[in-house]
Amino acid sequence: MTNREYMARLLIDPDLVDDGGASYEAMVYYNIDCPYFAGDKRKHCGEGKEPNRDRCSECKMEWLEAEVDE
């Protein structure tokens, strides 16, 4: 399996690896840059909230489930 296939399969099925979602969270955190620009109200950081793994992973997973901006 290539890295591309692994990432795609994890994005489609976060429970692909039986580790309580840790592989999915790590893949999202380390391989997806922040999808928002400074000042975007959808960001989970800002206004005194510093970026960290938990906050960024949750934000990126929420972004993945959102409709595409038009």
PDB file of N, CA and C in Angstrom:
ATOM      1  N   MET A   1       0.854  -1.170   0.000  1.00  0.00           N
ATOM      2  CA  MET A   1       0.000   0.000   0.000  1.00  0.00           C
ATOM      3  C   MET A   1       0.901   1.235   0.000  1.00  0.00           C
ATOM      4  N   THR A   2       0.587   2.182  -0.855  1.00  0.00           N
ATOM      5  CA  THR A   2       1.365   3.415  -0.906  1.00  0.00           C
ATOM      6  C   THR A   2       0.863   4.384   0.165  1.00  0.00           C
ATOM      7  N   ASN A   3       1.655   5.426   0.438  1.00  0.00           N
ATOM      8  CA  ASN A   3       1.218   6.457   1.386  1.00  0.00           C
ATOM      9  C   ASN A   3      -0.075   7.111   0.900  1.00  0.00           C
ATOM     10  N   ARG A   4      -0.189   7.325  -0.399  1.00  0.00           N
ATOM     11  CA  ARG A   4      -1.406   7.923  -0.971  1.00  0.00           C
ATOM     12  C   ARG A   4      -2.623   7.051  -0.674  1.00  0.00           C
ATOM     13  N   GLU A   5      -2.486   5.748  -0.915  1.00  0.00           N
ATOM     14  CA  GLU A   5      -3.596   4.826  -0.655  1.00  0.00           C
ATOM     15  C   GLU A   5      -3.943   4.794   0.833  1.00  0.00           C
ATOM     16  N   TYR A   6      -2.926   4.781   1.678  1.00  0.00           N
ATOM     17  CA  TYR A   6      -3.141   4.756   3.124  1.00  0.00           C
ATOM     18  C   TYR A   6      -3.894   6.005   3.585  1.00  0.00           C
ATOM     19  N   MET A   7      -3.458   7.181   3.113  1.00  0.00           N
ATOM     20  CA  MET A   7      -4.126   8.433   3.491  1.00  0.00           C
ATOM     21  C   MET A   7      -5.569   8.440   2.992  1.00  0.00           C
ATOM     22  N   ALA A   8      -5.771   8.052   1.741  1.00  0.00           N
ATOM     23  CA  ALA A   8      -7.126   8.049   1.170  1.00  0.00           C
ATOM     24  C   ALA A   8      -8.030   7.089   1.935  1.00  0.00           C
ATOM     25  N   ARG A   9      -7.528   5.912   2.246  1.00  0.00           N
ATOM     26  CA  ARG A   9      -8.338   4.928   2.971  1.00  0.00           C
ATOM     27  C   ARG A   9      -8.652   5.398   4.387  1.00  0.00           C
ATOM     28  N   LEU A  10      -7.689   6.041   5.054  1.00  0.00           N
ATOM     29  CA  LEU A  10      -7.950   6.579   6.394  1.00  0.00           C
ATOM     30  C   LEU A  10      -8.978   7.709   6.348  1.00  0.00           C
ATOM     31  N   LEU A  11      -8.910   8.550   5.313  1.00  0.00           N
ATOM     32  CA  LEU A  11      -9.884   9.639   5.194  1.00  0.00           C
ATOM     33  C   LEU A  11     -11.291   9.106   4.950  1.00  0.00           C
ATOM     34  N   ILE A  12     -11.391   8.018   4.216  1.00  0.00           N
ATOM     35  CA  ILE A  12     -12.690   7.410   3.950  1.00  0.00           C
ATOM     36  C   ILE A  12     -13.183   6.625   5.165  1.00  0.00           C
ATOM     37  N   ASP A  13     -12.282   5.931   5.834  1.00  0.00           N
ATOM     38  CA  ASP A  13     -12.651   5.103   6.989  1.00  0.00           C
ATOM     39  C   ASP A  13     -11.687   5.367   8.140  1.00  0.00           C
ATOM     40  N   PRO A  14     -12.015   6.333   9.026  1.00  0.00           N
ATOM     41  CA  PRO A  14     -11.127   6.653  10.149  1.00  0.00           C
ATOM     42  C   PRO A  14     -10.844   5.474  11.075  1.00  0.00           C
ATOM     43  N   ASP A  15     -11.673   4.432  11.009  1.00  0.00           N
ATOM     44  CA  ASP A  15     -11.480   3.247  11.850  1.00  0.00           C
ATOM     45  C   ASP A  15     -10.742   2.127  11.109  1.00  0.00           C
ATOM     46  N   LEU A  16     -10.075   2.475  10.003  1.00  0.00           N
ATOM     47  CA  LEU A  16      -9.336   1.498   9.212  1.00  0.00           C
ATOM     48  C   LEU A  16      -8.326   0.743  10.082  1.00  0.00           C
ATOM     49  N   VAL A  17      -7.628   1.461  10.938  1.00  0.00           N
ATOM     50  CA  VAL A  17      -6.641   0.870  11.843  1.00  0.00           C
ATOM     51  C   VAL A  17      -7.281   0.822  13.229  1.00  0.00           C
ATOM     52  N   ASP A  18      -7.217  -0.303  13.871  1.00  0.00           N
ATOM     53  CA  ASP A  18      -7.858  -0.486  15.175  1.00  0.00           C
ATOM     54  C   ASP A  18      -6.981   0.081  16.292  1.00  0.00           C
ATOM     55  N   ASP A  19      -6.933   1.423  16.386  1.00  0.00           N
ATOM     56  CA  ASP A  19      -6.142   2.062  17.442  1.00  0.00           C
ATOM     57  C   ASP A  19      -6.893   3.243  18.058  1.00  0.00           C
ATOM     58  N   GLY A  20      -8.214   3.168  18.007  1.00  0.00           N
ATOM     59  CA  GLY A  20      -9.030   4.201  18.620  1.00  0.00           C
ATOM     60  C   GLY A  20      -8.984   5.538  17.894  1.00  0.00           C
ATOM     61  N   GLY A  21      -8.625   5.544  16.628  1.00  0.00           N
ATOM     62  CA  GLY A  21      -8.589   6.773  15.842  1.00  0.00           C
ATOM     63  C   GLY A  21      -7.270   7.523  15.889  1.00  0.00           C
ATOM     64  N   ALA A  22      -6.271   6.988  16.583  1.00  0.00           N
ATOM     65  CA  ALA A  22      -4.985   7.682  16.714  1.00  0.00           C
ATOM     66  C   ALA A  22      -4.272   7.836  15.366  1.00  0.00           C
ATOM     67  N   SER A  23      -4.334   6.822  14.511  1.00  0.00           N
ATOM     68  CA  SER A  23      -3.681   6.913  13.194  1.00  0.00           C
ATOM     69  C   SER A  23      -4.338   7.981  12.341  1.00  0.00           C
ATOM     70  N   TYR A  24      -5.665   8.042  12.371  1.00  0.00           N
ATOM     71  CA  TYR A  24      -6.402   9.049  11.611  1.00  0.00           C
ATOM     72  C   TYR A  24      -6.058  10.442  12.118  1.00  0.00           C
ATOM     73  N   GLU A  25      -6.090  10.636  13.428  1.00  0.00           N
ATOM     74  CA  GLU A  25      -5.770  11.945  14.003  1.00  0.00           C
ATOM     75  C   GLU A  25      -4.355  12.371  13.640  1.00  0.00           C
ATOM     76  N   ALA A  26      -3.387  11.463  13.752  1.00  0.00           N
ATOM     77  CA  ALA A  26      -1.999  11.782  13.430  1.00  0.00           C
ATOM     78  C   ALA A  26      -1.845  12.122  11.948  1.00  0.00           C
ATOM     79  N   MET A  27      -2.503  11.361  11.073  1.00  0.00           N
ATOM     80  CA  MET A  27      -2.410  11.625   9.642  1.00  0.00           C
ATOM     81  C   MET A  27      -2.969  13.007   9.324  1.00  0.00           C
ATOM     82  N   VAL A  28      -4.120  13.342   9.901  1.00  0.00           N
ATOM     83  CA  VAL A  28      -4.730  14.654   9.666  1.00  0.00           C
ATOM     84  C   VAL A  28      -3.837  15.760  10.213  1.00  0.00           C
ATOM     85  N   TYR A  29      -3.360  15.609  11.436  1.00  0.00           N
ATOM     86  CA  TYR A  29      -2.560  16.653  12.078  1.00  0.00           C
ATOM     87  C   TYR A  29      -1.247  16.919  11.336  1.00  0.00           C
ATOM     88  N   TYR A  30      -0.537  15.855  10.995  1.00  0.00           N
ATOM     89  CA  TYR A  30       0.796  16.025  10.405  1.00  0.00           C
ATOM     90  C   TYR A  30       0.790  16.256   8.893  1.00  0.00           C
ATOM     91  N   ASN A  31      -0.284  15.896   8.193  1.00  0.00           N
ATOM     92  CA  ASN A  31      -0.261  15.952   6.731  1.00  0.00           C
ATOM     93  C   ASN A  31      -1.210  16.954   6.100  1.00  0.00           C
ATOM     94  N   ILE A  32      -2.042  17.603   6.890  1.00  0.00           N
ATOM     95  CA  ILE A  32      -2.941  18.620   6.355  1.00  0.00           C
ATOM     96  C   ILE A  32      -2.606  19.947   7.025  1.00  0.00           C
ATOM     97  N   ASP A  33      -2.226  20.933   6.211  1.00  0.00           N
ATOM     98  CA  ASP A  33      -1.958  22.274   6.740  1.00  0.00           C
ATOM     99  C   ASP A  33      -3.270  22.932   7.147  1.00  0.00           C
ATOM    100  N   CYS A  34      -3.153  23.961   7.940  1.00  0.00           N
ATOM    101  CA  CYS A  34      -4.335  24.714   8.359  1.00  0.00           C
ATOM    102  C   CYS A  34      -5.075  25.207   7.115  1.00  0.00           C
ATOM    103  N   PRO A  35      -6.368  24.903   7.005  1.00  0.00           N
ATOM    104  CA  PRO A  35      -7.122  25.299   5.824  1.00  0.00           C
ATOM    105  C   PRO A  35      -7.647  26.735   5.862  1.00  0.00           C
ATOM    106  N   TYR A  36      -7.382  27.460   6.946  1.00  0.00           N
ATOM    107  CA  TYR A  36      -7.950  28.798   7.114  1.00  0.00           C
ATOM    108  C   TYR A  36      -6.892  29.890   7.088  1.00  0.00           C
ATOM    109  N   PHE A  37      -7.317  31.079   6.702  1.00  0.00           N
ATOM    110  CA  PHE A  37      -6.473  32.256   6.725  1.00  0.00           C
ATOM    111  C   PHE A  37      -6.645  32.962   8.066  1.00  0.00           C
ATOM    112  N   ALA A  38      -5.712  33.824   8.390  1.00  0.00           N
ATOM    113  CA  ALA A  38      -5.805  34.610   9.620  1.00  0.00           C
ATOM    114  C   ALA A  38      -7.119  35.385   9.627  1.00  0.00           C
ATOM    115  N   GLY A  39      -7.763  35.389  10.771  1.00  0.00           N
ATOM    116  CA  GLY A  39      -9.005  36.132  10.919  1.00  0.00           C
ATOM    117  C   GLY A  39     -10.260  35.344  10.567  1.00  0.00           C
ATOM    118  N   ASP A  40     -10.116  34.139  10.013  1.00  0.00           N
ATOM    119  CA  ASP A  40     -11.284  33.333   9.676  1.00  0.00           C
ATOM    120  C   ASP A  40     -11.951  32.869  10.969  1.00  0.00           C
ATOM    121  N   LYS A  41     -13.208  33.133  11.113  1.00  0.00           N
ATOM    122  CA  LYS A  41     -13.942  32.821  12.348  1.00  0.00           C
ATOM    123  C   LYS A  41     -14.136  31.320  12.564  1.00  0.00           C
ATOM    124  N   ARG A  42     -13.931  30.519  11.532  1.00  0.00           N
ATOM    125  CA  ARG A  42     -14.090  29.068  11.677  1.00  0.00           C
ATOM    126  C   ARG A  42     -12.892  28.408  12.353  1.00  0.00           C
ATOM    127  N   LYS A  43     -11.776  29.117  12.417  1.00  0.00           N
ATOM    128  CA  LYS A  43     -10.575  28.564  13.054  1.00  0.00           C
ATOM    129  C   LYS A  43     -10.838  28.311  14.535  1.00  0.00           C
ATOM    130  N   HIS A  44     -10.302  27.234  15.046  1.00  0.00           N
ATOM    131  CA  HIS A  44     -10.447  26.927  16.467  1.00  0.00           C
ATOM    132  C   HIS A  44      -9.381  27.628  17.303  1.00  0.00           C
ATOM    133  N   CYS A  45      -8.361  28.176  16.655  1.00  0.00           N
ATOM    134  CA  CYS A  45      -7.322  28.922  17.370  1.00  0.00           C
ATOM    135  C   CYS A  45      -7.518  30.414  17.112  1.00  0.00           C
ATOM    136  N   GLY A  46      -6.741  31.213  17.748  1.00  0.00           N
ATOM    137  CA  GLY A  46      -6.883  32.660  17.631  1.00  0.00           C
ATOM    138  C   GLY A  46      -7.614  33.205  18.840  1.00  0.00           C
ATOM    139  N   GLU A  47      -7.670  34.494  18.944  1.00  0.00           N
ATOM    140  CA  GLU A  47      -8.321  35.154  20.074  1.00  0.00           C
ATOM    141  C   GLU A  47      -7.893  34.536  21.407  1.00  0.00           C
ATOM    142  N   GLY A  48      -6.572  34.416  21.587  1.00  0.00           N
ATOM    143  CA  GLY A  48      -6.031  33.889  22.837  1.00  0.00           C
ATOM    144  C   GLY A  48      -5.932  32.378  22.914  1.00  0.00           C
ATOM    145  N   LYS A  49      -6.359  31.677  21.882  1.00  0.00           N
ATOM    146  CA  LYS A  49      -6.276  30.211  21.853  1.00  0.00           C
ATOM    147  C   LYS A  49      -5.135  29.814  20.922  1.00  0.00           C
ATOM    148  N   GLU A  50      -4.081  29.302  21.503  1.00  0.00           N
ATOM    149  CA  GLU A  50      -2.908  28.905  20.725  1.00  0.00           C
ATOM    150  C   GLU A  50      -3.152  27.576  20.007  1.00  0.00           C
ATOM    151  N   PRO A  51      -2.577  27.419  18.824  1.00  0.00           N
ATOM    152  CA  PRO A  51      -2.678  26.130  18.130  1.00  0.00           C
ATOM    153  C   PRO A  51      -1.977  25.031  18.928  1.00  0.00           C
ATOM    154  N   ASN A  52      -2.587  23.856  18.979  1.00  0.00           N
ATOM    155  CA  ASN A  52      -1.960  22.672  19.556  1.00  0.00           C
ATOM    156  C   ASN A  52      -2.545  21.449  18.864  1.00  0.00           C
ATOM    157  N   ARG A  53      -1.991  20.289  19.114  1.00  0.00           N
ATOM    158  CA  ARG A  53      -2.415  19.091  18.383  1.00  0.00           C
ATOM    159  C   ARG A  53      -3.902  18.819  18.537  1.00  0.00           C
ATOM    160  N   ASP A  54      -4.428  18.872  19.747  1.00  0.00           N
ATOM    161  CA  ASP A  54      -5.848  18.581  19.947  1.00  0.00           C
ATOM    162  C   ASP A  54      -6.737  19.584  19.219  1.00  0.00           C
ATOM    163  N   ARG A  55      -6.463  20.857  19.403  1.00  0.00           N
ATOM    164  CA  ARG A  55      -7.276  21.912  18.797  1.00  0.00           C
ATOM    165  C   ARG A  55      -7.185  21.854  17.267  1.00  0.00           C
ATOM    166  N   CYS A  56      -5.969  21.719  16.744  1.00  0.00           N
ATOM    167  CA  CYS A  56      -5.780  21.706  15.293  1.00  0.00           C
ATOM    168  C   CYS A  56      -6.384  20.446  14.658  1.00  0.00           C
ATOM    169  N   SER A  57      -6.207  19.300  15.293  1.00  0.00           N
ATOM    170  CA  SER A  57      -6.769  18.065  14.738  1.00  0.00           C
ATOM    171  C   SER A  57      -8.286  18.156  14.674  1.00  0.00           C
ATOM    172  N   GLU A  58      -8.909  18.620  15.733  1.00  0.00           N
ATOM    173  CA  GLU A  58     -10.365  18.765  15.762  1.00  0.00           C
ATOM    174  C   GLU A  58     -10.829  19.739  14.678  1.00  0.00           C
ATOM    175  N   CYS A  59     -10.137  20.851  14.534  1.00  0.00           N
ATOM    176  CA  CYS A  59     -10.478  21.861  13.535  1.00  0.00           C
ATOM    177  C   CYS A  59     -10.347  21.297  12.119  1.00  0.00           C
ATOM    178  N   LYS A  60      -9.257  20.598  11.843  1.00  0.00           N
ATOM    179  CA  LYS A  60      -9.039  20.035  10.511  1.00  0.00           C
ATOM    180  C   LYS A  60     -10.061  18.946  10.193  1.00  0.00           C
ATOM    181  N   MET A  61     -10.416  18.126  11.191  1.00  0.00           N
ATOM    182  CA  MET A  61     -11.423  17.088  10.970  1.00  0.00           C
ATOM    183  C   MET A  61     -12.788  17.722  10.697  1.00  0.00           C
ATOM    184  N   GLU A  62     -13.105  18.811  11.389  1.00  0.00           N
ATOM    185  CA  GLU A  62     -14.343  19.542  11.135  1.00  0.00           C
ATOM    186  C   GLU A  62     -14.331  20.104   9.705  1.00  0.00           C
ATOM    187  N   TRP A  63     -13.189  20.659   9.285  1.00  0.00           N
ATOM    188  CA  TRP A  63     -13.051  21.197   7.935  1.00  0.00           C
ATOM    189  C   TRP A  63     -13.251  20.102   6.886  1.00  0.00           C
ATOM    190  N   LEU A  64     -12.701  18.911   7.138  1.00  0.00           N
ATOM    191  CA  LEU A  64     -12.846  17.813   6.188  1.00  0.00           C
ATOM    192  C   LEU A  64     -14.314  17.442   5.975  1.00  0.00           C
ATOM    193  N   GLU A  65     -15.137  17.586   6.996  1.00  0.00           N
ATOM    194  CA  GLU A  65     -16.549  17.227   6.916  1.00  0.00           C
ATOM    195  C   GLU A  65     -17.426  18.358   6.390  1.00  0.00           C
ATOM    196  N   ALA A  66     -16.859  19.561   6.252  1.00  0.00           N
ATOM    197  CA  ALA A  66     -17.637  20.724   5.804  1.00  0.00           C
ATOM    198  C   ALA A  66     -17.795  20.727   4.280  1.00  0.00           C
ATOM    199  N   GLU A  67     -18.823  21.408   3.834  1.00  0.00           N
ATOM    200  CA  GLU A  67     -19.027  21.591   2.398  1.00  0.00           C
ATOM    201  C   GLU A  67     -17.911  22.483   1.846  1.00  0.00           C
ATOM    202  N   VAL A  68     -17.592  22.295   0.581  1.00  0.00           N
ATOM    203  CA  VAL A  68     -16.560  23.078  -0.093  1.00  0.00           C
ATOM    204  C   VAL A  68     -17.010  24.536  -0.201  1.00  0.00           C
ATOM    205  N   ASP A  69     -16.104  25.482   0.106  1.00  0.00           N
ATOM    206  CA  ASP A  69     -16.403  26.897  -0.060  1.00  0.00           C
ATOM    207  C   ASP A  69     -16.561  27.200  -1.546  1.00  0.00           C
ATOM    208  N   GLU A  70     -17.531  28.022  -1.870  1.00  0.00           N
ATOM    209  CA  GLU A  70     -17.724  28.381  -3.279  1.00  0.00           C
ATOM    210  C   GLU A  70     -17.466  29.842  -3.479  1.00  0.00           C
TER     211      GLU A  70
END
